[in-house]
Amino acid sequence: MVKQNPNEASVRVAMLEDADAIARIYNHYVTKTVVTFEEEAISSSEIRQRIQKVQSSLIWYVAELIRSEEHTS
């Protein structure tokens, strides 16, 4: 059996359903650091709107951890 690295990730195009997770991750940096230009947390509906707005001309990517059966138990 091949052991999979528990930190492996795949990159894919973002979907509107990703907005909640994106907002949670992004808002950590908004509220705890100075690395964004945002001053207040962003709602998941705002993230959905941003994804929709750029998808006609740009690609919004997300990275997702790959969890094997061995690492999820």
N, C-alpha and C. Protein backbone atom coordinates (compact mmCIF):
# COMPACT_ATOMS: atom_id res chain seq x y z
N MET A 1 0.83 -1.18 0.00
CA MET A 1 0.00 0.00 0.00
C MET A 1 0.89 1.25 0.00
N VAL A 2 0.52 2.21 -0.82
CA VAL A 2 1.26 3.47 -0.90
C VAL A 2 0.74 4.40 0.17
N LYS A 3 1.64 4.92 0.98
CA LYS A 3 1.23 5.89 2.00
C LYS A 3 1.14 7.26 1.37
N GLN A 4 0.06 7.94 1.66
CA GLN A 4 -0.16 9.27 1.12
C GLN A 4 0.26 10.31 2.16
N ASN A 5 0.88 11.36 1.71
CA ASN A 5 1.26 12.46 2.58
C ASN A 5 -0.01 13.11 3.13
N PRO A 6 -0.16 13.21 4.46
CA PRO A 6 -1.39 13.80 5.02
C PRO A 6 -1.55 15.28 4.71
N ASN A 7 -0.51 15.91 4.16
CA ASN A 7 -0.57 17.33 3.83
C ASN A 7 -0.73 17.59 2.34
N GLU A 8 -1.01 16.54 1.56
CA GLU A 8 -1.20 16.73 0.13
C GLU A 8 -2.46 17.54 -0.13
N ALA A 9 -2.40 18.34 -1.18
CA ALA A 9 -3.55 19.16 -1.52
C ALA A 9 -3.78 19.11 -3.03
N SER A 10 -5.00 19.36 -3.41
CA SER A 10 -5.31 19.51 -4.83
C SER A 10 -5.82 20.93 -5.04
N VAL A 11 -5.60 21.45 -6.22
CA VAL A 11 -6.04 22.80 -6.56
C VAL A 11 -7.16 22.66 -7.58
N ARG A 12 -8.22 23.41 -7.38
CA ARG A 12 -9.35 23.36 -8.30
C ARG A 12 -9.98 24.74 -8.39
N VAL A 13 -10.87 24.90 -9.33
CA VAL A 13 -11.60 26.16 -9.50
C VAL A 13 -12.61 26.28 -8.36
N ALA A 14 -12.70 27.46 -7.78
CA ALA A 14 -13.64 27.71 -6.68
C ALA A 14 -15.07 27.63 -7.18
N MET A 15 -15.94 27.15 -6.29
CA MET A 15 -17.38 27.11 -6.56
C MET A 15 -18.06 28.00 -5.53
N LEU A 16 -19.26 28.43 -5.82
CA LEU A 16 -19.99 29.28 -4.88
C LEU A 16 -20.16 28.59 -3.54
N GLU A 17 -20.24 27.27 -3.55
CA GLU A 17 -20.39 26.51 -2.30
C GLU A 17 -19.15 26.61 -1.40
N ASP A 18 -18.04 27.09 -1.93
CA ASP A 18 -16.81 27.25 -1.15
C ASP A 18 -16.79 28.55 -0.35
N ALA A 19 -17.76 29.42 -0.55
CA ALA A 19 -17.74 30.77 0.03
C ALA A 19 -17.65 30.76 1.55
N ASP A 20 -18.35 29.85 2.23
CA ASP A 20 -18.29 29.82 3.70
C ASP A 20 -16.88 29.51 4.18
N ALA A 21 -16.26 28.50 3.59
CA ALA A 21 -14.90 28.12 3.99
C ALA A 21 -13.90 29.21 3.64
N ILE A 22 -14.04 29.82 2.47
CA ILE A 22 -13.14 30.89 2.07
C ILE A 22 -13.27 32.06 3.04
N ALA A 23 -14.49 32.42 3.39
CA ALA A 23 -14.70 33.53 4.32
C ALA A 23 -14.07 33.24 5.68
N ARG A 24 -14.23 32.02 6.18
CA ARG A 24 -13.62 31.67 7.48
C ARG A 24 -12.11 31.81 7.44
N ILE A 25 -11.51 31.30 6.39
CA ILE A 25 -10.04 31.36 6.27
C ILE A 25 -9.59 32.81 6.07
N TYR A 26 -10.21 33.51 5.14
CA TYR A 26 -9.82 34.88 4.83
C TYR A 26 -10.02 35.81 6.03
N ASN A 27 -11.13 35.65 6.73
CA ASN A 27 -11.42 36.54 7.86
C ASN A 27 -10.43 36.39 9.00
N HIS A 28 -9.80 35.24 9.12
CA HIS A 28 -8.72 35.10 10.12
C HIS A 28 -7.65 36.15 9.83
N TYR A 29 -7.28 36.29 8.57
CA TYR A 29 -6.22 37.23 8.19
C TYR A 29 -6.70 38.68 8.24
N VAL A 30 -7.98 38.89 7.99
CA VAL A 30 -8.54 40.24 8.08
C VAL A 30 -8.51 40.72 9.53
N THR A 31 -8.92 39.86 10.45
CA THR A 31 -9.06 40.29 11.85
C THR A 31 -7.81 40.13 12.70
N LYS A 32 -6.88 39.28 12.28
CA LYS A 32 -5.72 39.00 13.14
C LYS A 32 -4.38 39.48 12.59
N THR A 33 -4.38 39.97 11.34
CA THR A 33 -3.11 40.39 10.74
C THR A 33 -3.30 41.72 9.99
N VAL A 34 -2.23 42.17 9.38
CA VAL A 34 -2.29 43.38 8.56
C VAL A 34 -1.98 43.06 7.10
N VAL A 35 -2.18 41.82 6.67
CA VAL A 35 -1.80 41.42 5.31
C VAL A 35 -2.90 41.62 4.27
N THR A 36 -4.06 42.12 4.68
CA THR A 36 -5.11 42.43 3.71
C THR A 36 -5.44 43.92 3.79
N PHE A 37 -6.16 44.41 2.82
CA PHE A 37 -6.61 45.79 2.85
C PHE A 37 -7.98 45.92 3.50
N GLU A 38 -8.59 44.79 3.84
CA GLU A 38 -9.90 44.81 4.50
C GLU A 38 -9.71 45.26 5.95
N GLU A 39 -10.71 45.93 6.47
CA GLU A 39 -10.66 46.36 7.87
C GLU A 39 -11.66 45.63 8.74
N GLU A 40 -12.66 45.01 8.11
CA GLU A 40 -13.69 44.26 8.84
C GLU A 40 -13.89 42.92 8.16
N ALA A 41 -14.36 41.95 8.94
CA ALA A 41 -14.62 40.62 8.40
C ALA A 41 -15.60 40.69 7.24
N ILE A 42 -15.45 39.77 6.31
CA ILE A 42 -16.26 39.71 5.10
C ILE A 42 -17.26 38.56 5.23
N SER A 43 -18.50 38.78 4.86
CA SER A 43 -19.51 37.72 4.93
C SER A 43 -19.32 36.71 3.80
N SER A 44 -19.85 35.52 4.00
CA SER A 44 -19.75 34.52 2.94
C SER A 44 -20.56 34.95 1.71
N SER A 45 -21.62 35.71 1.90
CA SER A 45 -22.37 36.19 0.73
C SER A 45 -21.53 37.19 -0.07
N GLU A 46 -20.72 37.99 0.60
CA GLU A 46 -19.80 38.90 -0.10
C GLU A 46 -18.76 38.10 -0.89
N ILE A 47 -18.25 37.04 -0.29
CA ILE A 47 -17.28 36.19 -1.00
C ILE A 47 -17.95 35.57 -2.23
N ARG A 48 -19.18 35.08 -2.09
CA ARG A 48 -19.91 34.52 -3.24
C ARG A 48 -20.03 35.56 -4.36
N GLN A 49 -20.36 36.79 -3.99
CA GLN A 49 -20.48 37.86 -4.99
C GLN A 49 -19.14 38.13 -5.68
N ARG A 50 -18.08 38.11 -4.91
CA ARG A 50 -16.75 38.34 -5.49
C ARG A 50 -16.37 37.22 -6.45
N ILE A 51 -16.67 35.98 -6.07
CA ILE A 51 -16.38 34.85 -6.96
C ILE A 51 -17.16 35.02 -8.26
N GLN A 52 -18.46 35.29 -8.15
CA GLN A 52 -19.30 35.47 -9.34
C GLN A 52 -18.78 36.60 -10.23
N LYS A 53 -18.37 37.67 -9.61
CA LYS A 53 -17.93 38.85 -10.36
C LYS A 53 -16.70 38.56 -11.21
N VAL A 54 -15.75 37.83 -10.68
CA VAL A 54 -14.50 37.61 -11.41
C VAL A 54 -14.53 36.40 -12.33
N GLN A 55 -15.46 35.48 -12.12
CA GLN A 55 -15.44 34.24 -12.89
C GLN A 55 -15.67 34.41 -14.38
N SER A 56 -16.22 35.52 -14.80
CA SER A 56 -16.42 35.72 -16.24
C SER A 56 -15.11 36.01 -16.97
N SER A 57 -14.11 36.49 -16.25
CA SER A 57 -12.85 36.83 -16.92
C SER A 57 -11.61 36.25 -16.24
N LEU A 58 -11.73 35.80 -15.01
CA LEU A 58 -10.58 35.27 -14.27
C LEU A 58 -10.95 33.94 -13.61
N ILE A 59 -9.96 33.24 -13.14
CA ILE A 59 -10.20 31.99 -12.45
C ILE A 59 -9.86 32.18 -10.98
N TRP A 60 -10.74 31.79 -10.10
CA TRP A 60 -10.54 31.85 -8.65
C TRP A 60 -10.26 30.42 -8.23
N TYR A 61 -9.07 30.16 -7.73
CA TYR A 61 -8.67 28.81 -7.34
C TYR A 61 -8.79 28.62 -5.83
N VAL A 62 -9.02 27.38 -5.42
CA VAL A 62 -8.94 26.99 -4.02
C VAL A 62 -8.07 25.75 -3.93
N ALA A 63 -7.43 25.59 -2.80
CA ALA A 63 -6.66 24.37 -2.53
C ALA A 63 -7.42 23.59 -1.47
N GLU A 64 -7.45 22.28 -1.66
CA GLU A 64 -8.19 21.40 -0.77
C GLU A 64 -7.26 20.29 -0.30
N LEU A 65 -7.22 20.05 1.00
CA LEU A 65 -6.43 18.94 1.50
C LEU A 65 -7.01 17.63 1.02
N ILE A 66 -6.14 16.72 0.62
CA ILE A 66 -6.57 15.38 0.20
C ILE A 66 -6.45 14.50 1.43
N ARG A 67 -7.54 13.94 1.86
CA ARG A 67 -7.54 13.08 3.03
C ARG A 67 -7.76 11.65 2.60
N SER A 68 -6.79 10.81 2.89
CA SER A 68 -6.94 9.39 2.59
C SER A 68 -7.65 8.72 3.76
N GLU A 69 -8.18 7.53 3.53
CA GLU A 69 -8.86 6.77 4.59
C GLU A 69 -7.92 6.56 5.79
N GLU A 70 -6.65 6.32 5.50
CA GLU A 70 -5.67 6.05 6.55
C GLU A 70 -5.51 7.24 7.49
N HIS A 71 -5.63 8.45 6.96
CA HIS A 71 -5.38 9.65 7.77
C HIS A 71 -6.64 10.27 8.37
N THR A 72 -7.81 9.74 8.02
CA THR A 72 -9.03 10.31 8.56
C THR A 72 -9.52 9.58 9.80
N SER A 73 -8.95 8.45 10.12
CA SER A 73 -9.43 7.72 11.30
C SER A 73 -8.65 8.06 12.53
